[in-house]
Amino acid sequence: MRNKYIEAFENAQISEKSIPDFRAGDTLRVAVKIQEGDKSRIQNFEGVCISRRGTGTGESFIVRKIGANSVGVERIFPIYSDSIEEIKVLRHGRVRRAKLFYLRDRRGKAAKIRELRK
């Protein structure tokens, strides 16, 4: 059983931000606010969502992209973080698992995810 005050606070935090409906296998573009000294800018991180975990304000997701020199880069984002400006779903992937950690071992066409057409 959760404390009613904590639950009320979490519900207030959740209602402030609109999060698109996405799941593992979807290609996302996450606009992240980056602070450099006294300046701030927005940098996009685009890749495949390989997992979602947690509930409420503690929910997070992992996005994986192939960076320079074919090196895989993964970032974990808390969904209700203030540093996330926007989450945009670019493609819906057709996958049969909730966690796509097997993509870490794959390169090129082997790591391809089919698109879910609606």
C-alpha atoms as a PDB file:
ATOM      1  CA  MET A   1       0.000   0.000   0.000  1.00  0.00           C
ATOM      2  CA  ARG A   2       1.324   3.396  -0.994  1.00  0.00           C
ATOM      3  CA  ASN A   3       1.244   6.582   1.034  1.00  0.00           C
ATOM      4  CA  LYS A   4      -1.667   8.767  -0.120  1.00  0.00           C
ATOM      5  CA  TYR A   5       0.481  11.917  -0.150  1.00  0.00           C
ATOM      6  CA  ILE A   6       3.138  10.329  -2.360  1.00  0.00           C
ATOM      7  CA  GLU A   7       0.423   8.991  -4.647  1.00  0.00           C
ATOM      8  CA  ALA A   8      -1.206  12.450  -4.947  1.00  0.00           C
ATOM      9  CA  PHE A   9       2.171  14.030  -5.748  1.00  0.00           C
ATOM     10  CA  GLU A  10       2.917  11.429  -8.426  1.00  0.00           C
ATOM     11  CA  ASN A  11      -0.494  11.909 -10.031  1.00  0.00           C
ATOM     12  CA  ALA A  12       0.107  15.680 -10.184  1.00  0.00           C
ATOM     13  CA  GLN A  13       3.496  15.102 -11.844  1.00  0.00           C
ATOM     14  CA  ILE A  14       2.050  12.677 -14.388  1.00  0.00           C
ATOM     15  CA  SER A  15      -0.847  14.934 -15.393  1.00  0.00           C
ATOM     16  CA  GLU A  16       1.495  17.864 -16.230  1.00  0.00           C
ATOM     17  CA  LYS A  17       3.327  16.136 -19.072  1.00  0.00           C
ATOM     18  CA  SER A  18       1.799  14.529 -22.162  1.00  0.00           C
ATOM     19  CA  ILE A  19       3.676  11.375 -23.142  1.00  0.00           C
ATOM     20  CA  PRO A  20       2.948   9.675 -26.496  1.00  0.00           C
ATOM     21  CA  ASP A  21       1.978   6.021 -26.567  1.00  0.00           C
ATOM     22  CA  PHE A  22       5.091   3.983 -27.389  1.00  0.00           C
ATOM     23  CA  ARG A  23       6.608   0.620 -26.555  1.00  0.00           C
ATOM     24  CA  ALA A  24       9.694  -1.462 -27.254  1.00  0.00           C
ATOM     25  CA  GLY A  25      10.536  -1.596 -30.959  1.00  0.00           C
ATOM     26  CA  ASP A  26       9.361   1.920 -31.743  1.00  0.00           C
ATOM     27  CA  THR A  27      11.789   4.439 -33.222  1.00  0.00           C
ATOM     28  CA  LEU A  28      11.821   7.577 -31.105  1.00  0.00           C
ATOM     29  CA  ARG A  29      13.285  11.057 -31.292  1.00  0.00           C
ATOM     30  CA  VAL A  30      13.876  12.352 -27.766  1.00  0.00           C
ATOM     31  CA  ALA A  31      14.570  16.092 -27.484  1.00  0.00           C
ATOM     32  CA  VAL A  32      16.884  16.458 -24.477  1.00  0.00           C
ATOM     33  CA  LYS A  33      17.650  19.773 -22.822  1.00  0.00           C
ATOM     34  CA  ILE A  34      21.419  20.122 -22.315  1.00  0.00           C
ATOM     35  CA  GLN A  35      22.935  22.700 -19.965  1.00  0.00           C
ATOM     36  CA  GLU A  36      26.399  23.958 -20.928  1.00  0.00           C
ATOM     37  CA  GLY A  37      27.585  26.579 -18.479  1.00  0.00           C
ATOM     38  CA  ASP A  38      24.962  29.326 -18.449  1.00  0.00           C
ATOM     39  CA  LYS A  39      23.567  28.354 -21.875  1.00  0.00           C
ATOM     40  CA  SER A  40      21.057  25.624 -22.602  1.00  0.00           C
ATOM     41  CA  ARG A  41      20.199  23.941 -25.877  1.00  0.00           C
ATOM     42  CA  ILE A  42      18.087  21.066 -27.133  1.00  0.00           C
ATOM     43  CA  GLN A  43      19.743  17.998 -28.633  1.00  0.00           C
ATOM     44  CA  ASN A  44      17.840  15.202 -30.347  1.00  0.00           C
ATOM     45  CA  PHE A  45      18.644  11.576 -29.550  1.00  0.00           C
ATOM     46  CA  GLU A  46      17.084   9.288 -32.163  1.00  0.00           C
ATOM     47  CA  GLY A  47      17.011   5.512 -31.886  1.00  0.00           C
ATOM     48  CA  VAL A  48      15.018   2.385 -31.110  1.00  0.00           C
ATOM     49  CA  CYS A  49      13.297   1.973 -27.762  1.00  0.00           C
ATOM     50  CA  ILE A  50      14.585  -1.368 -26.460  1.00  0.00           C
ATOM     51  CA  SER A  51      12.749  -1.412 -23.124  1.00  0.00           C
ATOM     52  CA  ARG A  52      10.365   0.342 -20.762  1.00  0.00           C
ATOM     53  CA  ARG A  53      10.294  -0.332 -17.075  1.00  0.00           C
ATOM     54  CA  GLY A  54       8.815   0.941 -13.843  1.00  0.00           C
ATOM     55  CA  THR A  55       5.520   2.620 -13.027  1.00  0.00           C
ATOM     56  CA  GLY A  56       4.341   6.083 -12.105  1.00  0.00           C
ATOM     57  CA  THR A  57       6.940   8.813 -11.847  1.00  0.00           C
ATOM     58  CA  GLY A  58       9.724   6.228 -11.612  1.00  0.00           C
ATOM     59  CA  GLU A  59       9.072   4.894 -15.119  1.00  0.00           C
ATOM     60  CA  SER A  60      12.002   4.939 -17.546  1.00  0.00           C
ATOM     61  CA  PHE A  61      12.889   3.738 -21.032  1.00  0.00           C
ATOM     62  CA  ILE A  62      16.091   2.846 -22.885  1.00  0.00           C
ATOM     63  CA  VAL A  63      16.815   4.175 -26.375  1.00  0.00           C
ATOM     64  CA  ARG A  64      19.595   2.641 -28.487  1.00  0.00           C
ATOM     65  CA  LYS A  65      21.178   4.162 -31.576  1.00  0.00           C
ATOM     66  CA  ILE A  66      24.190   3.341 -33.696  1.00  0.00           C
ATOM     67  CA  GLY A  67      26.635   6.224 -33.320  1.00  0.00           C
ATOM     68  CA  ALA A  68      29.881   7.056 -35.049  1.00  0.00           C
ATOM     69  CA  ASN A  69      32.153   4.182 -36.151  1.00  0.00           C
ATOM     70  CA  SER A  70      29.232   1.723 -35.796  1.00  0.00           C
ATOM     71  CA  VAL A  71      29.364   1.908 -32.007  1.00  0.00           C
ATOM     72  CA  GLY A  72      26.063   1.349 -30.225  1.00  0.00           C
ATOM     73  CA  VAL A  73      24.995   4.083 -27.816  1.00  0.00           C
ATOM     74  CA  GLU A  74      22.252   3.572 -25.226  1.00  0.00           C
ATOM     75  CA  ARG A  75      20.669   6.142 -22.975  1.00  0.00           C
ATOM     76  CA  ILE A  76      18.226   5.632 -20.145  1.00  0.00           C
ATOM     77  CA  PHE A  77      15.608   8.369 -19.849  1.00  0.00           C
ATOM     78  CA  PRO A  78      13.195   8.830 -16.941  1.00  0.00           C
ATOM     79  CA  ILE A  79       9.853   9.536 -18.637  1.00  0.00           C
ATOM     80  CA  TYR A  80       8.873  12.429 -16.358  1.00  0.00           C
ATOM     81  CA  SER A  81      12.316  14.072 -16.304  1.00  0.00           C
ATOM     82  CA  ASP A  82      12.541  17.850 -16.643  1.00  0.00           C
ATOM     83  CA  SER A  83      15.435  17.444 -19.076  1.00  0.00           C
ATOM     84  CA  ILE A  84      13.169  15.805 -21.669  1.00  0.00           C
ATOM     85  CA  GLU A  85      11.569  18.485 -23.808  1.00  0.00           C
ATOM     86  CA  GLU A  86       9.645  16.203 -26.188  1.00  0.00           C
ATOM     87  CA  ILE A  87       9.280  12.555 -27.176  1.00  0.00           C
ATOM     88  CA  LYS A  88       8.266  11.943 -30.780  1.00  0.00           C
ATOM     89  CA  VAL A  89       7.383   8.517 -32.191  1.00  0.00           C
ATOM     90  CA  LEU A  90       8.767   8.223 -35.723  1.00  0.00           C
ATOM     91  CA  ARG A  91       7.920   4.570 -36.473  1.00  0.00           C
ATOM     92  CA  HIS A  92       6.036   1.812 -34.722  1.00  0.00           C
ATOM     93  CA  GLY A  93       8.005  -1.434 -34.797  1.00  0.00           C
ATOM     94  CA  ARG A  94       6.542  -4.907 -35.068  1.00  0.00           C
ATOM     95  CA  VAL A  95       8.238  -6.954 -32.338  1.00  0.00           C
ATOM     96  CA  ARG A  96       7.287  -9.937 -30.215  1.00  0.00           C
ATOM     97  CA  ARG A  97       9.145  -9.086 -27.026  1.00  0.00           C
ATOM     98  CA  ALA A  98       8.939  -6.421 -24.346  1.00  0.00           C
ATOM     99  CA  LYS A  99      12.720  -6.177 -23.950  1.00  0.00           C
ATOM    100  CA  LEU A 100      14.900  -6.070 -27.071  1.00  0.00           C
ATOM    101  CA  PHE A 101      18.303  -6.589 -25.469  1.00  0.00           C
ATOM    102  CA  TYR A 102      19.228  -9.055 -28.222  1.00  0.00           C
ATOM    103  CA  LEU A 103      19.729  -6.044 -30.534  1.00  0.00           C
ATOM    104  CA  ARG A 104      22.980  -5.306 -28.673  1.00  0.00           C
ATOM    105  CA  ASP A 105      24.647  -8.276 -30.395  1.00  0.00           C
ATOM    106  CA  ARG A 106      23.326  -7.523 -33.884  1.00  0.00           C
ATOM    107  CA  ARG A 107      24.611  -5.233 -36.633  1.00  0.00           C
ATOM    108  CA  GLY A 108      23.208  -4.021 -39.952  1.00  0.00           C
ATOM    109  CA  LYS A 109      20.277  -5.896 -41.448  1.00  0.00           C
ATOM    110  CA  ALA A 110      20.188  -8.387 -38.576  1.00  0.00           C
ATOM    111  CA  ALA A 111      19.207  -5.544 -36.250  1.00  0.00           C
ATOM    112  CA  LYS A 112      16.385  -4.374 -38.514  1.00  0.00           C
ATOM    113  CA  ILE A 113      12.881  -4.081 -37.032  1.00  0.00           C
ATOM    114  CA  ARG A 114       9.850  -4.407 -39.281  1.00  0.00           C
ATOM    115  CA  GLU A 115       7.463  -1.483 -39.323  1.00  0.00           C
ATOM    116  CA  LEU A 116       3.948  -1.876 -37.988  1.00  0.00           C
ATOM    117  CA  ARG A 117       1.575  -0.396 -40.537  1.00  0.00           C
ATOM    118  CA  LYS A 118      -1.852   0.603 -39.306  1.00  0.00           C
END
